């Protein structure tokens, strides 16, 4: 072994990658896609209407939670 071979082994770092998104992330992704399709279909089809539809698809859960909490009296 040469000196460079031993130095490469001592400088190596092991990295453990953990993915904890699970099934919930996929369900939320599908909900976003479905909402995006709905809001884009409701728009006139122009560029800014599509952009607005994508933004509405991203924030609609906020309004749902707000109205649910409002109806519960919280």
N, C-alpha and C. Protein backbone atom coordinates (compact mmCIF):
# COMPACT_ATOMS: atom_id res chain seq x y z
N UNK A 1 0.83 -1.19 0.00
CA UNK A 1 0.00 0.00 0.00
C UNK A 1 0.87 1.25 0.00
N UNK A 2 0.43 2.20 -0.72
CA UNK A 2 1.15 3.46 -0.73
C UNK A 2 0.56 4.39 0.32
N UNK A 3 1.24 5.45 0.54
CA UNK A 3 0.80 6.40 1.56
C UNK A 3 -0.54 7.05 1.18
N UNK A 4 -0.78 7.29 -0.10
CA UNK A 4 -2.02 7.93 -0.53
C UNK A 4 -3.22 7.01 -0.34
N UNK A 5 -3.02 5.68 -0.45
CA UNK A 5 -4.11 4.74 -0.25
C UNK A 5 -4.61 4.76 1.19
N UNK A 6 -3.72 4.84 2.13
CA UNK A 6 -4.13 4.83 3.54
C UNK A 6 -4.78 6.15 3.93
N UNK A 7 -4.34 7.25 3.34
CA UNK A 7 -4.93 8.54 3.69
C UNK A 7 -6.35 8.67 3.15
N UNK A 8 -6.64 8.03 2.00
CA UNK A 8 -8.00 8.07 1.45
C UNK A 8 -8.97 7.35 2.36
N UNK A 9 -8.55 6.25 2.97
CA UNK A 9 -9.43 5.49 3.84
C UNK A 9 -9.70 6.22 5.14
N UNK A 10 -8.75 6.94 5.66
CA UNK A 10 -8.95 7.64 6.93
C UNK A 10 -9.81 8.89 6.76
N UNK A 11 -9.87 9.44 5.55
CA UNK A 11 -10.66 10.65 5.32
C UNK A 11 -12.08 10.34 4.88
N UNK A 12 -12.43 9.09 4.69
CA UNK A 12 -13.79 8.77 4.23
C UNK A 12 -14.78 8.94 5.37
N UNK A 13 -15.94 9.45 5.03
CA UNK A 13 -16.99 9.71 6.00
C UNK A 13 -18.23 8.94 5.58
N UNK A 14 -18.82 8.22 6.51
CA UNK A 14 -20.05 7.49 6.21
C UNK A 14 -21.25 8.38 6.51
N UNK A 15 -22.19 8.42 5.58
CA UNK A 15 -23.38 9.23 5.73
C UNK A 15 -24.59 8.30 5.68
N UNK A 16 -25.46 8.43 6.66
CA UNK A 16 -26.67 7.63 6.71
C UNK A 16 -27.84 8.51 6.28
N UNK A 17 -28.51 8.13 5.20
CA UNK A 17 -29.62 8.89 4.68
C UNK A 17 -30.92 8.26 5.19
N UNK A 18 -31.76 9.09 5.79
CA UNK A 18 -33.03 8.60 6.32
C UNK A 18 -34.17 9.33 5.62
N UNK A 19 -35.07 8.59 5.07
CA UNK A 19 -36.24 9.15 4.40
C UNK A 19 -37.46 8.76 5.20
N UNK A 20 -38.07 9.75 5.85
CA UNK A 20 -39.21 9.47 6.72
C UNK A 20 -40.51 10.07 6.20
N UNK A 21 -40.60 10.40 4.92
CA UNK A 21 -41.82 11.01 4.39
C UNK A 21 -42.97 10.02 4.42
N UNK A 22 -42.72 8.80 4.00
CA UNK A 22 -43.73 7.76 4.07
C UNK A 22 -44.91 7.99 3.15
N UNK A 23 -46.02 7.37 3.53
CA UNK A 23 -47.22 7.41 2.71
C UNK A 23 -47.93 8.75 2.80
N UNK A 24 -47.76 9.46 3.89
CA UNK A 24 -48.43 10.75 4.06
C UNK A 24 -48.00 11.77 3.03
N UNK A 25 -46.73 11.80 2.71
CA UNK A 25 -46.23 12.73 1.71
C UNK A 25 -46.80 12.45 0.34
N UNK A 26 -46.96 11.18 0.01
CA UNK A 26 -47.53 10.81 -1.28
C UNK A 26 -49.00 11.21 -1.35
N UNK A 27 -49.73 11.03 -0.26
CA UNK A 27 -51.15 11.41 -0.23
C UNK A 27 -51.28 12.92 -0.37
N UNK A 28 -50.44 13.68 0.30
CA UNK A 28 -50.49 15.13 0.16
C UNK A 28 -50.12 15.58 -1.25
N UNK A 29 -49.18 14.89 -1.86
CA UNK A 29 -48.80 15.20 -3.24
C UNK A 29 -49.98 14.95 -4.18
N UNK A 30 -50.69 13.83 -3.99
CA UNK A 30 -51.86 13.55 -4.83
C UNK A 30 -52.96 14.57 -4.60
N UNK A 31 -53.14 15.01 -3.35
CA UNK A 31 -54.14 16.03 -3.06
C UNK A 31 -53.79 17.34 -3.75
N UNK A 32 -52.51 17.69 -3.77
CA UNK A 32 -52.08 18.91 -4.45
C UNK A 32 -52.34 18.81 -5.95
N UNK A 33 -52.01 17.67 -6.54
CA UNK A 33 -52.22 17.49 -7.98
C UNK A 33 -53.71 17.58 -8.31
N UNK A 34 -54.53 16.93 -7.50
CA UNK A 34 -55.98 16.99 -7.72
C UNK A 34 -56.52 18.40 -7.59
N UNK A 35 -56.06 19.12 -6.58
CA UNK A 35 -56.51 20.50 -6.39
C UNK A 35 -56.02 21.39 -7.54
N UNK A 36 -54.80 21.16 -8.00
CA UNK A 36 -54.28 21.95 -9.11
C UNK A 36 -55.11 21.72 -10.37
N UNK A 37 -55.46 20.48 -10.63
CA UNK A 37 -56.30 20.18 -11.79
C UNK A 37 -57.65 20.87 -11.66
N UNK A 38 -58.25 20.80 -10.48
CA UNK A 38 -59.56 21.43 -10.25
C UNK A 38 -59.48 22.93 -10.47
N UNK A 39 -58.52 23.60 -9.83
CA UNK A 39 -58.45 25.06 -9.93
C UNK A 39 -58.06 25.52 -11.33
N UNK A 40 -57.25 24.76 -12.02
CA UNK A 40 -56.88 25.13 -13.40
C UNK A 40 -58.08 24.96 -14.32
N UNK A 41 -58.88 23.92 -14.12
CA UNK A 41 -60.08 23.74 -14.93
C UNK A 41 -61.09 24.85 -14.71
N UNK A 42 -61.14 25.40 -13.49
CA UNK A 42 -62.07 26.48 -13.18
C UNK A 42 -61.63 27.81 -13.76
N UNK A 43 -60.37 27.93 -14.14
CA UNK A 43 -59.84 29.20 -14.64
C UNK A 43 -60.15 29.35 -16.13
N UNK A 44 -59.84 30.53 -16.65
CA UNK A 44 -60.08 30.82 -18.06
C UNK A 44 -59.02 30.19 -18.96
N UNK A 45 -57.91 29.76 -18.41
CA UNK A 45 -56.89 29.08 -19.19
C UNK A 45 -55.71 29.93 -19.59
N UNK A 46 -55.71 31.20 -19.21
CA UNK A 46 -54.57 32.06 -19.51
C UNK A 46 -53.38 31.71 -18.62
N UNK A 47 -52.23 32.26 -18.94
CA UNK A 47 -51.00 31.97 -18.19
C UNK A 47 -51.15 32.32 -16.72
N UNK A 48 -51.60 33.54 -16.43
CA UNK A 48 -51.70 33.97 -15.04
C UNK A 48 -52.84 33.26 -14.32
N UNK A 49 -53.85 32.82 -15.07
CA UNK A 49 -54.92 32.04 -14.45
C UNK A 49 -54.40 30.68 -14.00
N UNK A 50 -53.53 30.09 -14.79
CA UNK A 50 -52.92 28.80 -14.42
C UNK A 50 -52.00 28.98 -13.21
N UNK A 51 -51.22 30.05 -13.20
CA UNK A 51 -50.35 30.34 -12.05
C UNK A 51 -51.19 30.53 -10.79
N UNK A 52 -52.28 31.28 -10.90
CA UNK A 52 -53.17 31.48 -9.76
C UNK A 52 -53.79 30.16 -9.31
N UNK A 53 -54.14 29.29 -10.25
CA UNK A 53 -54.67 27.97 -9.90
C UNK A 53 -53.67 27.13 -9.14
N UNK A 54 -52.41 27.19 -9.53
CA UNK A 54 -51.37 26.44 -8.80
C UNK A 54 -51.17 26.99 -7.39
N UNK A 55 -51.24 28.31 -7.25
CA UNK A 55 -51.12 28.91 -5.92
C UNK A 55 -52.32 28.55 -5.05
N UNK A 56 -53.51 28.56 -5.64
CA UNK A 56 -54.70 28.18 -4.88
C UNK A 56 -54.61 26.71 -4.44
N UNK A 57 -54.07 25.87 -5.28
CA UNK A 57 -53.92 24.46 -4.93
C UNK A 57 -52.96 24.28 -3.77
N UNK A 58 -51.99 25.18 -3.64
CA UNK A 58 -51.02 25.06 -2.55
C UNK A 58 -51.59 25.54 -1.22
N UNK A 59 -52.52 26.50 -1.23
CA UNK A 59 -52.99 27.08 0.03
C UNK A 59 -54.40 26.68 0.43
N UNK A 60 -55.12 25.88 -0.37
CA UNK A 60 -56.50 25.55 0.01
C UNK A 60 -56.60 24.81 1.34
N UNK A 61 -55.64 23.97 1.74
CA UNK A 61 -55.78 23.32 3.05
C UNK A 61 -55.82 24.31 4.22
N UNK A 62 -55.17 25.45 4.06
CA UNK A 62 -55.18 26.47 5.11
C UNK A 62 -56.61 26.97 5.34
N UNK A 63 -57.33 27.22 4.26
CA UNK A 63 -58.69 27.70 4.38
C UNK A 63 -59.62 26.63 4.93
N UNK A 64 -59.40 25.39 4.58
CA UNK A 64 -60.21 24.30 5.11
C UNK A 64 -60.04 24.20 6.63
N UNK A 65 -58.81 24.20 7.10
CA UNK A 65 -58.55 24.11 8.53
C UNK A 65 -59.12 25.33 9.25
N UNK A 66 -59.00 26.50 8.66
CA UNK A 66 -59.53 27.71 9.27
C UNK A 66 -61.04 27.60 9.47
N UNK A 67 -61.75 27.17 8.43
CA UNK A 67 -63.21 27.08 8.52
C UNK A 67 -63.65 25.95 9.45
N UNK A 68 -62.91 24.85 9.49
CA UNK A 68 -63.24 23.77 10.42
C UNK A 68 -63.08 24.26 11.86
N UNK A 69 -61.98 24.94 12.15
CA UNK A 69 -61.77 25.46 13.50
C UNK A 69 -62.79 26.54 13.85
N UNK A 70 -63.17 27.34 12.88
CA UNK A 70 -64.17 28.38 13.11
C UNK A 70 -65.52 27.75 13.44
N UNK A 71 -65.88 26.68 12.75
CA UNK A 71 -67.15 26.01 13.02
C UNK A 71 -67.13 25.26 14.35
N UNK A 72 -65.96 24.82 14.78
CA UNK A 72 -65.85 24.16 16.08
C UNK A 72 -65.84 25.14 17.23
N UNK A 73 -65.71 26.42 16.94
CA UNK A 73 -65.71 27.45 17.97
C UNK A 73 -64.36 27.70 18.58
N UNK A 74 -63.34 27.27 17.93
CA UNK A 74 -61.98 27.46 18.49
C UNK A 74 -61.46 28.84 18.20
